[in-house]
Amino acid sequence: FSSCTTIHIAEQAGSAMSVQERDPCPHRILDDIGGAFAMGAIGGGLWNMVKGARNSPRGERMQGSISAIRARAPILGGNFAVWGGLFSSFDCSLVWLRRKEDPWNSIASGALTGGVLAARGGWRAASRSAAVGGVLLAMIEGLNIFLTKMLAENSAPPYAPPPPYQPPPMAPAPPTAAKPAAADEGFMVDSAKSSQAT
């Protein structure tokens, strides 16, 4: 069970891709198997390098760490690959059945994967492992949604259109002095009478 939890946490932390950015389903399974194997082999190699060096006598620490890496890292990578393959297979199956891709697929896939991997221990162990896998995946998906929303509020969308152009504000016109009133302002002059008189 611990390897399945570690794998999905590492997958979620390592890839900041949203659901829309992932590969289509058949390719996703192979991609997740390869990625999980690489994570397990590299992480297991580092872990077993330290463990092998600590458990070896003085003078043989380098040889002890190399032999521990060669013995255990591929096995841990294989365990991670099995977990990643099962998880992606369940995830793609749920996407096909439900016709939508959302966090519920990942939560159910984690529960199903935990249950299947612990099935040899009986139905109690399988149900316990499935419950823990579902709860852990729910926490991971909830944290992922929270972080996505928090980061989206603080930054503009990556391909948002530029804001409309606004010309810079113009300086106000200087005040003009009041012009003097004309002498005949306010009187109406009949131009028809003046034209007849001539």
Protein backbone atom coordinates (compact mmCIF):
# COMPACT_ATOMS: atom_id res chain seq x y z
CA PHE A 1 0.00 0.00 0.00
CA SER A 2 2.77 2.46 0.83
CA SER A 3 4.16 2.30 -2.70
CA CYS A 4 0.77 3.09 -4.25
CA THR A 5 0.33 6.14 -2.04
CA THR A 6 3.83 7.36 -2.73
CA ILE A 7 3.45 6.92 -6.47
CA HIS A 8 0.31 9.00 -6.81
CA ILE A 9 1.58 11.72 -4.51
CA ALA A 10 4.74 11.92 -6.60
CA GLU A 11 2.72 11.91 -9.83
CA GLN A 12 0.48 14.72 -8.59
CA ALA A 13 3.37 16.79 -7.26
CA GLY A 14 5.61 16.18 -10.24
CA SER A 15 3.14 17.08 -12.95
CA ALA A 16 1.34 20.34 -12.66
CA MET A 17 -0.77 19.49 -15.66
CA SER A 18 -4.48 19.86 -15.51
CA VAL A 19 -6.87 17.21 -16.71
CA GLN A 20 -7.14 18.80 -20.15
CA GLU A 21 -3.37 18.76 -20.71
CA ARG A 22 -2.88 15.02 -20.24
CA ASP A 23 -2.44 12.53 -23.05
CA PRO A 24 -5.47 10.70 -24.43
CA CYS A 25 -6.36 7.53 -22.63
CA PRO A 26 -4.58 4.65 -24.35
CA HIS A 27 -1.33 6.61 -24.46
CA ARG A 28 -1.81 7.82 -20.90
CA ILE A 29 -1.54 4.28 -19.56
CA LEU A 30 1.85 3.66 -21.17
CA ASP A 31 3.03 7.13 -20.21
CA ASP A 32 2.08 6.59 -16.56
CA ILE A 33 3.68 3.14 -16.47
CA GLY A 34 6.96 4.55 -17.78
CA GLY A 35 6.86 7.60 -15.52
CA ALA A 36 6.04 5.52 -12.45
CA PHE A 37 8.83 3.06 -13.23
CA ALA A 38 11.32 5.92 -13.64
CA MET A 39 10.23 7.52 -10.36
CA GLY A 40 10.40 4.23 -8.51
CA ALA A 41 13.78 3.30 -9.95
CA ILE A 42 15.34 6.71 -9.28
CA GLY A 43 13.80 7.11 -5.83
CA GLY A 44 14.58 3.50 -4.95
CA GLY A 45 18.12 3.95 -6.24
CA LEU A 46 18.72 6.96 -4.01
CA TRP A 47 17.11 5.30 -1.00
CA ASN A 48 19.02 2.03 -1.42
CA MET A 49 22.27 3.86 -2.11
CA VAL A 50 22.10 5.46 1.35
CA LYS A 51 20.81 2.27 2.95
CA GLY A 52 23.50 0.11 1.33
CA ALA A 53 26.26 2.51 2.34
CA ARG A 54 25.05 2.62 5.96
CA ASN A 55 24.80 -1.16 6.24
CA SER A 56 28.21 -1.86 4.70
CA PRO A 57 31.47 -2.06 6.66
CA ARG A 58 34.05 0.70 6.40
CA GLY A 59 36.02 0.56 3.17
CA GLU A 60 33.23 -1.24 1.28
CA ARG A 61 30.52 1.41 1.45
CA MET A 62 30.67 2.29 -2.24
CA GLN A 63 30.45 -1.37 -3.28
CA GLY A 64 27.64 -1.96 -0.79
CA SER A 65 25.60 0.97 -2.06
CA ILE A 66 26.04 -0.09 -5.71
CA SER A 67 25.01 -3.68 -5.00
CA ALA A 68 21.96 -2.46 -3.02
CA ILE A 69 20.95 -0.22 -5.93
CA ARG A 70 21.33 -3.05 -8.44
CA ALA A 71 19.36 -5.45 -6.26
CA ARG A 72 16.42 -3.29 -5.09
CA ALA A 73 15.93 -0.27 -7.41
CA PRO A 74 14.49 -2.22 -10.38
CA ILE A 75 12.11 -4.08 -8.07
CA LEU A 76 10.80 -0.87 -6.56
CA GLY A 77 10.51 0.63 -10.06
CA GLY A 78 8.47 -2.40 -11.13
CA ASN A 79 6.16 -2.03 -8.12
CA PHE A 80 5.61 1.60 -8.98
CA ALA A 81 4.97 0.69 -12.64
CA VAL A 82 2.32 -1.87 -11.63
CA TRP A 83 0.59 0.71 -9.47
CA GLY A 84 0.77 3.38 -12.21
CA GLY A 85 -0.55 0.97 -14.84
CA LEU A 86 -3.48 -0.15 -12.69
CA PHE A 87 -4.33 3.39 -11.68
CA SER A 88 -4.29 4.67 -15.27
CA SER A 89 -6.27 1.68 -16.52
CA PHE A 90 -8.98 2.29 -13.95
CA ASP A 91 -8.89 6.02 -14.65
CA CYS A 92 -9.32 5.53 -18.40
CA SER A 93 -12.08 2.98 -17.84
CA LEU A 94 -13.97 5.41 -15.62
CA VAL A 95 -13.51 8.22 -18.15
CA TRP A 96 -15.01 5.95 -20.80
CA LEU A 97 -17.88 4.80 -18.58
CA ARG A 98 -18.81 8.20 -17.15
CA ARG A 99 -18.07 10.17 -20.34
CA LYS A 100 -16.37 12.93 -18.36
CA GLU A 101 -13.02 13.59 -16.79
CA ASP A 102 -13.07 14.98 -13.26
CA PRO A 103 -11.45 14.40 -9.84
CA TRP A 104 -13.98 11.69 -8.96
CA ASN A 105 -12.35 9.42 -11.53
CA SER A 106 -8.97 9.76 -9.81
CA ILE A 107 -10.47 9.18 -6.36
CA ALA A 108 -12.31 6.04 -7.49
CA SER A 109 -9.23 4.84 -9.40
CA GLY A 110 -7.07 5.21 -6.30
CA ALA A 111 -9.58 3.24 -4.26
CA LEU A 112 -9.87 0.50 -6.87
CA THR A 113 -6.10 0.28 -7.30
CA GLY A 114 -5.53 0.02 -3.55
CA GLY A 115 -8.19 -2.67 -3.30
CA VAL A 116 -6.85 -4.73 -6.19
CA LEU A 117 -3.25 -4.56 -4.96
CA ALA A 118 -4.27 -5.73 -1.48
CA ALA A 119 -6.74 -8.37 -2.71
CA ARG A 120 -4.39 -11.27 -1.84
CA GLY A 121 -4.72 -10.37 1.84
CA GLY A 122 -8.48 -10.99 1.85
CA TRP A 123 -11.54 -8.78 1.57
CA ARG A 124 -10.83 -6.96 4.84
CA ALA A 125 -7.34 -5.92 3.79
CA ALA A 126 -8.59 -5.02 0.31
CA SER A 127 -11.45 -2.87 1.64
CA ARG A 128 -9.13 -1.16 4.14
CA SER A 129 -6.58 -0.43 1.46
CA ALA A 130 -9.29 0.77 -0.93
CA ALA A 131 -10.70 3.14 1.69
CA VAL A 132 -7.28 4.56 2.53
CA GLY A 133 -6.42 4.90 -1.18
CA GLY A 134 -9.69 6.73 -1.87
CA VAL A 135 -9.26 9.08 1.09
CA LEU A 136 -5.66 9.88 0.16
CA LEU A 137 -6.59 10.53 -3.45
CA ALA A 138 -9.47 12.75 -2.30
CA MET A 139 -7.05 14.78 -0.18
CA ILE A 140 -4.59 15.05 -3.06
CA GLU A 141 -7.29 16.10 -5.53
CA GLY A 142 -8.73 18.59 -3.04
CA LEU A 143 -5.31 20.12 -2.50
CA ASN A 144 -4.74 20.23 -6.24
CA ILE A 145 -8.07 22.04 -6.81
CA PHE A 146 -7.35 24.46 -3.96
CA LEU A 147 -3.90 25.32 -5.28
CA THR A 148 -5.20 25.69 -8.83
CA LYS A 149 -7.91 28.11 -7.73
CA MET A 150 -5.57 30.04 -5.47
CA LEU A 151 -2.96 30.47 -8.19
CA ALA A 152 -5.59 31.31 -10.82
CA GLU A 153 -6.96 34.18 -8.72
CA ASN A 154 -3.51 35.74 -8.28
CA SER A 155 -2.44 35.66 -11.91
CA ALA A 156 -4.04 36.52 -15.22
CA PRO A 157 -4.99 33.69 -17.58
CA PRO A 158 -2.05 32.68 -19.80
CA TYR A 159 -3.76 33.53 -23.11
CA ALA A 160 -6.05 36.35 -22.04
CA PRO A 161 -6.61 39.07 -24.62
CA PRO A 162 -4.80 42.32 -23.90
CA PRO A 163 -6.84 45.04 -22.22
CA PRO A 164 -8.46 47.54 -24.62
CA TYR A 165 -6.38 50.60 -25.52
CA GLN A 166 -7.17 53.68 -23.50
CA PRO A 167 -5.56 56.93 -24.60
CA PRO A 168 -3.67 58.79 -21.91
CA PRO A 169 -5.70 61.46 -20.12
CA MET A 170 -5.47 64.89 -21.70
CA ALA A 171 -4.46 67.97 -19.72
CA PRO A 172 -7.38 70.26 -18.95
CA ALA A 173 -7.68 73.38 -21.17
CA PRO A 174 -6.61 76.61 -19.49
CA PRO A 175 -9.54 78.77 -18.37
CA THR A 176 -10.49 81.54 -20.86
CA ALA A 177 -11.32 85.10 -19.87
CA ALA A 178 -14.98 86.14 -20.20
CA LYS A 179 -15.49 88.20 -23.37
CA PRO A 180 -17.20 91.62 -23.04
CA ALA A 181 -20.84 91.83 -24.02
CA ALA A 182 -21.61 93.48 -27.39
CA ALA A 183 -23.57 96.71 -27.43
CA ASP A 184 -26.47 95.37 -29.42
CA GLU A 185 -26.63 92.09 -27.61
CA GLY A 186 -30.14 91.35 -26.49
CA PHE A 187 -31.83 93.57 -29.15
CA MET A 188 -33.28 92.20 -32.28
CA VAL A 189 -32.72 94.13 -35.45
CA ASP A 190 -35.21 93.76 -38.26
CA SER A 191 -33.11 93.38 -41.39
CA ALA A 192 -36.16 93.38 -43.70
CA LYS A 193 -37.12 96.96 -42.78
CA SER A 194 -33.58 98.18 -43.24
CA SER A 195 -33.40 96.63 -46.72
CA GLN A 196 -36.75 98.20 -47.79
CA ALA A 197 -35.63 101.64 -46.69
CA THR A 198 -32.74 101.62 -49.10
